Amino acid sequence: MVKHNNQLQNNHFHKDWQRRVKTWFDQPGKKKSRRVARSKKALATGAQPLQRLRPAVRCPTQRYNIRIREGRGFTLSEIKLAGIRKKEAKGLGIAVDHRRRSKSEEGQTLNVDRLKEYKSRLVVFPKKQGKPKAGDAQGDDLTAHITRESLPLPSAYTAEAPRAITDEEKSAEAFVTLRQARAAQRNEGARQKRLKEKEAAEKAK
């Protein structure tokens, strides 16, 4: 029993569960409806890519940063280095994210190359037939075979070929090397101070 001046418990264990349970049996039908809608939308959009081009970015945190996934959009600097204007990029099916910043030169180069490859494969049909503007496709490009698939993501890393372990690698001690590097970094200030004091003493002599 409850002690002290507390409220008496009134546990509701006999709920009318059948009245509250929710079921959905239209899941297979909705799946088909969505697939049909996607097909209709793809046919209605003509020859434009099915998905917008997105950058290759590393997953966050040290645990997952070995993986590469699609990001929200290209940075303004990446688009500029690829020779594409911001307003032009949106019309060419390229996603732009004005908030993202390129933190590494390797990642920026990777995405700039991705944009350049996409631009080389791009076929821009003129709005009015027979009146192409600057940058529009002309001649045989209009009748050539085109693909609407997006560019695949690059591999996360290049695998090295197997090789024999050298004697130097066998004798190397990783823990000792790390501790020595750490100690050298910590004691660098004191070492520089001692050298300056020694030079000053020699000058005073």
Protein backbone atom coordinates (compact mmCIF):
# COMPACT_ATOMS: atom_id res chain seq x y z
CA MET A 1 0.00 0.00 0.00
CA VAL A 2 1.06 3.60 -0.57
CA LYS A 3 2.67 5.26 2.41
CA HIS A 4 2.26 8.84 3.58
CA ASN A 5 -0.22 11.38 2.25
CA ASN A 6 0.05 10.46 -1.45
CA GLN A 7 -2.53 9.92 -4.16
CA LEU A 8 -3.99 6.42 -4.36
CA GLN A 9 -2.91 4.53 -7.45
CA ASN A 10 -5.51 3.69 -10.05
CA ASN A 11 -3.74 1.62 -12.68
CA HIS A 12 -5.66 1.16 -15.93
CA PHE A 13 -4.76 -2.31 -17.09
CA HIS A 14 -8.04 -3.10 -18.92
CA LYS A 15 -7.83 -0.74 -21.88
CA ASP A 16 -10.06 -1.29 -24.92
CA TRP A 17 -7.05 -1.93 -27.18
CA GLN A 18 -9.05 -3.00 -30.25
CA ARG A 19 -10.63 0.42 -30.45
CA ARG A 20 -7.25 2.17 -30.35
CA VAL A 21 -5.13 -0.04 -32.57
CA LYS A 22 -4.39 1.39 -36.04
CA THR A 23 -3.96 -0.78 -39.11
CA TRP A 24 -3.03 -0.01 -42.69
CA PHE A 25 -3.56 -2.60 -45.38
CA ASP A 26 -3.02 -0.22 -48.30
CA GLN A 27 0.78 -0.41 -48.08
CA PRO A 28 1.29 -2.51 -51.28
CA GLY A 29 -1.21 -0.34 -53.17
CA LYS A 30 0.48 2.89 -52.05
CA LYS A 31 3.83 1.49 -53.10
CA LYS A 32 2.51 0.87 -56.61
CA SER A 33 0.85 4.32 -56.73
CA ARG A 34 4.12 6.01 -55.85
CA ARG A 35 6.01 4.01 -58.48
CA VAL A 36 3.47 4.91 -61.17
CA ALA A 37 3.59 8.58 -60.13
CA ARG A 38 7.40 8.57 -60.38
CA SER A 39 7.21 7.04 -63.86
CA LYS A 40 4.69 9.66 -65.02
CA LYS A 41 6.80 12.47 -63.61
CA ALA A 42 9.92 11.09 -65.33
CA LEU A 43 8.09 10.94 -68.67
CA ALA A 44 6.71 14.45 -68.25
CA THR A 45 10.13 15.97 -67.52
CA GLY A 46 11.48 15.02 -70.95
CA ALA A 47 15.20 14.32 -71.10
CA GLN A 48 16.34 16.02 -67.90
CA PRO A 49 18.17 13.92 -65.24
CA LEU A 50 16.00 11.99 -62.81
CA GLN A 51 17.89 13.35 -59.77
CA ARG A 52 19.82 16.55 -59.21
CA LEU A 53 23.59 16.28 -59.07
CA ARG A 54 24.85 16.39 -55.49
CA PRO A 55 28.40 16.56 -54.08
CA ALA A 56 30.39 13.70 -52.61
CA VAL A 57 30.96 14.40 -48.90
CA ARG A 58 32.38 12.48 -45.95
CA CYS A 59 30.04 11.26 -43.22
CA PRO A 60 30.42 13.12 -39.91
CA THR A 61 32.31 11.88 -36.83
CA GLN A 62 35.49 9.86 -36.65
CA ARG A 63 33.55 6.61 -36.70
CA TYR A 64 31.93 7.06 -40.12
CA ASN A 65 34.24 9.48 -41.98
CA ILE A 66 35.69 6.62 -44.05
CA ARG A 67 32.38 6.54 -45.94
CA ILE A 68 31.38 8.89 -48.79
CA ARG A 69 27.75 9.88 -49.32
CA GLU A 70 25.80 12.48 -51.29
CA GLY A 71 25.68 15.93 -49.69
CA ARG A 72 22.94 18.55 -49.80
CA GLY A 73 24.53 20.74 -52.45
CA PHE A 74 27.75 22.10 -53.95
CA THR A 75 29.44 25.08 -52.35
CA LEU A 76 29.64 28.41 -54.18
CA SER A 77 33.43 28.09 -54.43
CA GLU A 78 33.18 24.62 -56.05
CA ILE A 79 30.71 25.91 -58.65
CA LYS A 80 32.91 28.93 -59.35
CA LEU A 81 36.04 26.78 -59.82
CA ALA A 82 34.11 24.53 -62.22
CA GLY A 83 33.21 27.58 -64.35
CA ILE A 84 29.46 27.52 -63.66
CA ARG A 85 27.35 30.44 -62.47
CA LYS A 86 25.07 30.00 -59.44
CA LYS A 87 21.82 30.75 -61.28
CA GLU A 88 22.94 28.65 -64.23
CA ALA A 89 23.68 25.69 -61.93
CA LYS A 90 20.11 25.55 -60.65
CA GLY A 91 18.81 25.39 -64.21
CA LEU A 92 21.24 22.59 -65.12
CA GLY A 93 20.06 20.24 -62.37
CA ILE A 94 22.93 20.95 -59.94
CA ALA A 95 22.06 21.28 -56.25
CA VAL A 96 23.59 24.33 -54.53
CA ASP A 97 24.09 24.76 -50.77
CA HIS A 98 25.19 28.30 -49.87
CA ARG A 99 25.82 27.33 -46.21
CA ARG A 100 28.31 24.51 -46.74
CA ARG A 101 32.04 25.34 -46.73
CA SER A 102 34.88 23.39 -48.31
CA LYS A 103 37.12 22.36 -45.40
CA SER A 104 39.77 20.43 -47.36
CA GLU A 105 41.49 20.86 -50.70
CA GLU A 106 41.04 17.16 -51.52
CA GLY A 107 37.26 17.31 -51.02
CA GLN A 108 36.97 20.51 -53.04
CA THR A 109 39.02 19.07 -55.93
CA LEU A 110 36.90 15.90 -55.89
CA ASN A 111 33.66 17.87 -56.24
CA VAL A 112 35.07 20.26 -58.86
CA ASP A 113 36.10 17.25 -60.98
CA ARG A 114 32.60 15.81 -60.43
CA LEU A 115 31.04 19.03 -61.73
CA LYS A 116 33.37 19.17 -64.75
CA GLU A 117 32.58 15.56 -65.67
CA TYR A 118 28.85 16.29 -65.37
CA LYS A 119 29.26 19.42 -67.52
CA SER A 120 31.12 17.46 -70.21
CA ARG A 121 28.30 14.90 -70.39
CA LEU A 122 25.53 17.52 -70.29
CA VAL A 123 23.31 18.07 -73.34
CA VAL A 124 21.27 21.30 -73.06
CA PHE A 125 18.37 21.37 -75.53
CA PRO A 126 17.38 24.82 -76.84
CA LYS A 127 14.07 26.25 -75.62
CA LYS A 128 13.05 27.11 -79.19
CA GLN A 129 13.80 24.60 -81.90
CA GLY A 130 16.26 25.96 -84.44
CA LYS A 131 17.21 28.96 -82.27
CA PRO A 132 20.01 27.79 -79.97
CA LYS A 133 21.54 30.19 -77.47
CA ALA A 134 25.05 30.23 -76.02
CA GLY A 135 25.75 26.92 -74.26
CA ASP A 136 22.94 24.99 -76.00
CA ALA A 137 23.65 21.73 -77.78
CA GLN A 138 23.77 21.75 -81.59
CA GLY A 139 24.15 19.31 -84.46
CA ASP A 140 24.70 15.64 -83.69
CA ASP A 141 24.50 16.18 -79.92
CA LEU A 142 20.74 16.67 -80.20
CA THR A 143 20.22 13.23 -81.77
CA ALA A 144 22.93 11.34 -79.82
CA HIS A 145 22.06 8.72 -77.23
CA ILE A 146 21.69 10.27 -73.78
CA THR A 147 21.42 8.81 -70.29
CA ARG A 148 19.39 10.23 -67.43
CA GLU A 149 21.28 8.41 -64.71
CA SER A 150 23.26 10.52 -62.23
CA LEU A 151 27.01 10.28 -61.83
CA PRO A 152 28.06 7.51 -59.42
CA LEU A 153 29.83 8.41 -56.20
CA PRO A 154 33.64 8.03 -56.21
CA SER A 155 35.26 5.28 -54.20
CA ALA A 156 36.08 6.18 -50.60
CA TYR A 157 39.69 5.04 -50.88
CA THR A 158 42.07 3.33 -53.30
CA ALA A 159 43.03 -0.16 -52.17
CA GLU A 160 46.74 -0.94 -52.17
CA ALA A 161 48.12 -4.04 -53.80
CA PRO A 162 49.36 -6.69 -51.32
CA ARG A 163 53.08 -6.63 -50.59
CA ALA A 164 55.62 -8.10 -48.17
CA ILE A 165 56.23 -6.31 -44.86
CA THR A 166 59.75 -4.86 -44.67
CA ASP A 167 62.16 -5.38 -41.77
CA GLU A 168 62.01 -1.67 -40.95
CA GLU A 169 58.21 -1.83 -40.59
CA LYS A 170 58.50 -4.94 -38.39
CA SER A 171 60.98 -3.27 -36.04
CA ALA A 172 59.00 0.02 -35.80
CA GLU A 173 57.26 0.66 -32.49
CA ALA A 174 54.11 2.72 -32.98
CA PHE A 175 53.52 3.53 -29.29
CA VAL A 176 57.08 4.76 -28.68
CA THR A 177 56.98 6.87 -31.86
CA LEU A 178 53.72 8.52 -30.79
CA ARG A 179 54.98 9.25 -27.27
CA GLN A 180 58.24 10.70 -28.57
CA ALA A 181 56.37 12.96 -31.01
CA ARG A 182 54.02 14.06 -28.20
CA ALA A 183 56.93 14.79 -25.86
CA ALA A 184 58.80 16.71 -28.56
CA GLN A 185 55.76 18.88 -29.20
CA ARG A 186 55.18 19.56 -25.48
CA ASN A 187 58.81 20.42 -24.75
CA GLU A 188 59.41 22.54 -27.87
CA GLY A 189 58.74 25.82 -26.04
CA ALA A 190 61.16 25.03 -23.19
CA ARG A 191 63.79 23.89 -25.70
CA GLN A 192 63.55 27.14 -27.66
CA LYS A 193 63.75 29.13 -24.41
CA ARG A 194 66.96 27.31 -23.37
CA LEU A 195 68.54 27.95 -26.79
CA LYS A 196 67.74 31.67 -26.57
CA GLU A 197 69.17 31.88 -23.04
CA LYS A 198 72.34 30.07 -24.18
CA GLU A 199 72.75 32.47 -27.14
CA ALA A 200 72.21 35.47 -24.86
CA ALA A 201 74.84 34.15 -22.40
CA GLU A 202 77.37 33.64 -25.19
CA LYS A 203 76.75 37.20 -26.46
CA ALA A 204 77.19 38.56 -22.92
CA LYS A 205 80.62 36.87 -22.68
